[in-house]
C-alpha atoms as a PDB file:
ATOM      1  CA  MET A   1     -41.247  25.185 -79.250  1.00  0.00           C
ATOM      2  CA  THR A   2     -39.760  22.821 -76.636  1.00  0.00           C
ATOM      3  CA  PRO A   3     -41.025  19.245 -76.829  1.00  0.00           C
ATOM      4  CA  ALA A   4     -41.931  17.206 -73.766  1.00  0.00           C
ATOM      5  CA  ILE A   5     -41.939  13.432 -73.628  1.00  0.00           C
ATOM      6  CA  HIS A   6     -45.346  11.770 -73.669  1.00  0.00           C
ATOM      7  CA  HIS A   7     -44.011   8.201 -73.405  1.00  0.00           C
ATOM      8  CA  VAL A   8     -41.108   6.014 -74.442  1.00  0.00           C
ATOM      9  CA  ASP A   9     -41.585   2.398 -75.603  1.00  0.00           C
ATOM     10  CA  LEU A  10     -38.893  -0.037 -74.484  1.00  0.00           C
ATOM     11  CA  LEU A  11     -38.573  -3.776 -74.994  1.00  0.00           C
ATOM     12  CA  MET A  12     -38.722  -6.157 -72.052  1.00  0.00           C
ATOM     13  CA  SER A  13     -37.796  -9.823 -71.979  1.00  0.00           C
ATOM     14  CA  ASP A  14     -39.901 -10.929 -68.979  1.00  0.00           C
ATOM     15  CA  TYR A  15     -43.159  -9.219 -68.001  1.00  0.00           C
ATOM     16  CA  HIS A  16     -43.296 -10.542 -64.414  1.00  0.00           C
ATOM     17  CA  ALA A  17     -39.636  -9.755 -63.616  1.00  0.00           C
ATOM     18  CA  THR A  18     -40.011  -6.263 -65.081  1.00  0.00           C
ATOM     19  CA  GLU A  19     -43.223  -5.578 -63.170  1.00  0.00           C
ATOM     20  CA  ARG A  20     -41.681  -6.728 -59.868  1.00  0.00           C
ATOM     21  CA  PHE A  21     -38.494  -4.719 -60.464  1.00  0.00           C
ATOM     22  CA  TYR A  22     -40.183  -1.378 -61.160  1.00  0.00           C
ATOM     23  CA  ARG A  23     -42.920  -1.842 -58.535  1.00  0.00           C
ATOM     24  CA  GLU A  24     -41.097  -3.588 -55.676  1.00  0.00           C
ATOM     25  CA  VAL A  25     -37.427  -2.739 -56.112  1.00  0.00           C
ATOM     26  CA  LEU A  26     -37.682   0.829 -57.423  1.00  0.00           C
ATOM     27  CA  GLY A  27     -41.109   1.672 -55.998  1.00  0.00           C
ATOM     28  CA  TRP A  28     -42.149   3.452 -59.193  1.00  0.00           C
ATOM     29  CA  PRO A  29     -45.910   3.627 -59.849  1.00  0.00           C
ATOM     30  CA  ILE A  30     -47.360   1.175 -62.367  1.00  0.00           C
ATOM     31  CA  ILE A  31     -50.152   2.949 -64.246  1.00  0.00           C
ATOM     32  CA  ARG A  32     -51.145   0.326 -66.796  1.00  0.00           C
ATOM     33  CA  ARG A  33     -50.944  -3.417 -67.287  1.00  0.00           C
ATOM     34  CA  SER A  34     -52.222  -4.843 -70.576  1.00  0.00           C
ATOM     35  CA  GLY A  35     -52.171  -8.041 -72.516  1.00  0.00           C
ATOM     36  CA  LYS A  36     -53.850 -10.073 -75.212  1.00  0.00           C
ATOM     37  CA  GLY A  37     -56.625 -12.533 -74.552  1.00  0.00           C
ATOM     38  CA  ALA A  38     -59.182 -14.313 -76.694  1.00  0.00           C
ATOM     39  CA  GLU A  39     -61.159 -11.062 -77.071  1.00  0.00           C
ATOM     40  CA  GLY A  40     -58.130  -8.888 -77.931  1.00  0.00           C
ATOM     41  CA  TRP A  41     -56.273  -6.353 -75.764  1.00  0.00           C
ATOM     42  CA  VAL A  42     -57.297  -6.185 -72.100  1.00  0.00           C
ATOM     43  CA  ASP A  43     -56.176  -3.901 -69.269  1.00  0.00           C
ATOM     44  CA  PHE A  44     -55.961  -5.526 -65.843  1.00  0.00           C
ATOM     45  CA  ILE A  45     -55.036  -4.706 -62.249  1.00  0.00           C
ATOM     46  CA  GLY A  46     -52.459  -6.832 -60.420  1.00  0.00           C
ATOM     47  CA  GLU A  47     -51.915 -10.279 -61.866  1.00  0.00           C
ATOM     48  CA  PRO A  48     -53.185 -10.907 -65.400  1.00  0.00           C
ATOM     49  CA  PRO A  49     -56.252 -13.110 -65.838  1.00  0.00           C
ATOM     50  CA  ALA A  50     -55.394 -16.745 -66.665  1.00  0.00           C
ATOM     51  CA  ASP A  51     -56.435 -16.333 -70.309  1.00  0.00           C
ATOM     52  CA  VAL A  52     -54.458 -13.097 -70.900  1.00  0.00           C
ATOM     53  CA  GLU A  53     -50.814 -12.971 -71.979  1.00  0.00           C
ATOM     54  CA  PRO A  54     -49.268  -9.877 -70.317  1.00  0.00           C
ATOM     55  CA  LEU A  55     -47.496  -7.803 -72.970  1.00  0.00           C
ATOM     56  CA  LEU A  56     -47.391  -4.169 -71.824  1.00  0.00           C
ATOM     57  CA  LEU A  57     -46.444  -2.440 -68.582  1.00  0.00           C
ATOM     58  CA  ALA A  58     -46.485   1.347 -68.124  1.00  0.00           C
ATOM     59  CA  VAL A  59     -44.460   3.087 -65.395  1.00  0.00           C
ATOM     60  CA  GLN A  60     -45.361   6.663 -64.430  1.00  0.00           C
ATOM     61  CA  LEU A  61     -42.780   9.437 -64.652  1.00  0.00           C
ATOM     62  CA  ALA A  62     -43.090  13.052 -63.558  1.00  0.00           C
ATOM     63  CA  GLY A  63     -45.174  15.459 -65.631  1.00  0.00           C
ATOM     64  CA  GLY A  64     -47.491  12.772 -66.979  1.00  0.00           C
ATOM     65  CA  ALA A  65     -44.822  11.029 -69.075  1.00  0.00           C
ATOM     66  CA  TYR A  66     -44.392   7.287 -68.798  1.00  0.00           C
ATOM     67  CA  LEU A  67     -42.208   4.366 -69.818  1.00  0.00           C
ATOM     68  CA  ALA A  68     -44.099   1.660 -71.717  1.00  0.00           C
ATOM     69  CA  PHE A  69     -42.367  -1.710 -71.520  1.00  0.00           C
ATOM     70  CA  VAL A  70     -43.497  -3.987 -74.329  1.00  0.00           C
ATOM     71  CA  LYS A  71     -42.838  -7.695 -74.565  1.00  0.00           C
ATOM     72  CA  GLY A  72     -41.685  -8.649 -78.017  1.00  0.00           C
ATOM     73  CA  ARG A  73     -38.447  -9.839 -79.462  1.00  0.00           C
ATOM     74  CA  ALA A  74     -35.679 -10.216 -76.906  1.00  0.00           C
ATOM     75  CA  PRO A  75     -34.096  -6.808 -76.318  1.00  0.00           C
ATOM     76  CA  ASP A  76     -30.391  -6.337 -76.926  1.00  0.00           C
ATOM     77  CA  TYR A  77     -29.304  -3.343 -74.901  1.00  0.00           C
ATOM     78  CA  ARG A  78     -25.580  -4.175 -75.183  1.00  0.00           C
ATOM     79  CA  GLU A  79     -24.777  -2.388 -78.434  1.00  0.00           C
ATOM     80  CA  ASP A  80     -23.992   1.285 -77.822  1.00  0.00           C
ATOM     81  CA  GLU A  81     -25.586   0.738 -74.411  1.00  0.00           C
ATOM     82  CA  PRO A  82     -28.942   2.479 -74.820  1.00  0.00           C
ATOM     83  CA  HIS A  83     -30.138   3.692 -71.450  1.00  0.00           C
ATOM     84  CA  ILE A  84     -32.577   5.950 -69.660  1.00  0.00           C
ATOM     85  CA  ALA A  85     -31.460   8.740 -67.344  1.00  0.00           C
ATOM     86  CA  VAL A  86     -33.776  10.045 -64.617  1.00  0.00           C
ATOM     87  CA  ARG A  87     -33.596  12.720 -61.936  1.00  0.00           C
ATOM     88  CA  ILE A  88     -34.795  11.972 -58.412  1.00  0.00           C
ATOM     89  CA  THR A  89     -34.804  13.947 -55.173  1.00  0.00           C
ATOM     90  CA  ASP A  90     -33.493  11.234 -52.809  1.00  0.00           C
ATOM     91  CA  PRO A  91     -30.883   8.967 -54.398  1.00  0.00           C
ATOM     92  CA  GLY A  92     -29.812   7.757 -50.927  1.00  0.00           C
ATOM     93  CA  ALA A  93     -33.194   6.128 -50.354  1.00  0.00           C
ATOM     94  CA  LEU A  94     -33.012   4.493 -53.783  1.00  0.00           C
ATOM     95  CA  LEU A  95     -29.521   3.180 -53.006  1.00  0.00           C
ATOM     96  CA  GLU A  96     -30.907   1.567 -49.845  1.00  0.00           C
ATOM     97  CA  ARG A  97     -33.772  -0.045 -51.808  1.00  0.00           C
ATOM     98  CA  LEU A  98     -31.360  -1.375 -54.421  1.00  0.00           C
ATOM     99  CA  ALA A  99     -29.009  -2.750 -51.739  1.00  0.00           C
ATOM    100  CA  SER A 100     -31.880  -4.465 -49.908  1.00  0.00           C
ATOM    101  CA  HIS A 101     -32.808  -6.235 -53.172  1.00  0.00           C
ATOM    102  CA  ARG A 102     -29.149  -7.021 -53.952  1.00  0.00           C
ATOM    103  CA  VAL A 103     -29.128  -5.022 -57.185  1.00  0.00           C
ATOM    104  CA  PRO A 104     -25.557  -4.160 -58.193  1.00  0.00           C
ATOM    105  CA  VAL A 105     -25.047  -0.395 -58.469  1.00  0.00           C
ATOM    106  CA  GLU A 106     -22.297   1.615 -60.122  1.00  0.00           C
ATOM    107  CA  VAL A 107     -21.780   4.817 -58.127  1.00  0.00           C
ATOM    108  CA  ASN A 108     -20.023   7.700 -59.871  1.00  0.00           C
ATOM    109  CA  PRO A 109     -19.438  10.238 -57.040  1.00  0.00           C
ATOM    110  CA  GLY A 110     -20.541  13.748 -57.899  1.00  0.00           C
ATOM    111  CA  GLU A 111     -22.200  12.556 -61.102  1.00  0.00           C
ATOM    112  CA  ASN A 112     -24.712   9.694 -60.996  1.00  0.00           C
ATOM    113  CA  MET A 113     -25.398   6.090 -60.129  1.00  0.00           C
ATOM    114  CA  ALA A 114     -26.392   3.365 -62.541  1.00  0.00           C
ATOM    115  CA  PHE A 115     -27.886  -0.130 -62.487  1.00  0.00           C
ATOM    116  CA  TYR A 116     -29.673  -2.516 -64.840  1.00  0.00           C
ATOM    117  CA  ASP A 117     -33.273  -3.696 -65.033  1.00  0.00           C
ATOM    118  CA  PRO A 118     -34.148  -7.393 -65.664  1.00  0.00           C
ATOM    119  CA  SER A 119     -33.941  -6.918 -69.460  1.00  0.00           C
ATOM    120  CA  GLY A 120     -30.479  -5.358 -69.249  1.00  0.00           C
ATOM    121  CA  LEU A 121     -31.629  -1.755 -69.706  1.00  0.00           C
ATOM    122  CA  ARG A 122     -29.191   0.621 -68.005  1.00  0.00           C
ATOM    123  CA  ILE A 123     -30.832   3.170 -65.707  1.00  0.00           C
ATOM    124  CA  GLU A 124     -28.772   6.208 -64.750  1.00  0.00           C
ATOM    125  CA  VAL A 125     -29.946   8.257 -61.777  1.00  0.00           C
ATOM    126  CA  TYR A 126     -29.051  11.897 -61.197  1.00  0.00           C
ATOM    127  CA  GLU A 127     -29.903  13.902 -58.092  1.00  0.00           C
ATOM    128  CA  GLU A 128     -32.453  16.648 -58.668  1.00  0.00           C
END
């Protein structure tokens, strides 16, 4: 039996910066935005309602899997450098997007490229 990932929960330090980074900079689809209001958990589209604290952001991956970014304690991604590694079909286009948003990129020719999200999470990209 080979397992497949359903989702991965990751900590984020700033909801708005994380949402902008994955949506605008990377262009990855946001499939869920949630937060807590007076009536409990609420899903919303776009900006959160004034009375809702945004706490969860889900980013779609291939095959139905997703990354769920959760606001909680401040993440510390420095120790042992936890990271995610993804495969994409057009790393050149992603490099252009990152450059246009002035995101520093580490390019390892013949292997991968890597950069960091607003919470300091390392993202490694491999060509499919």
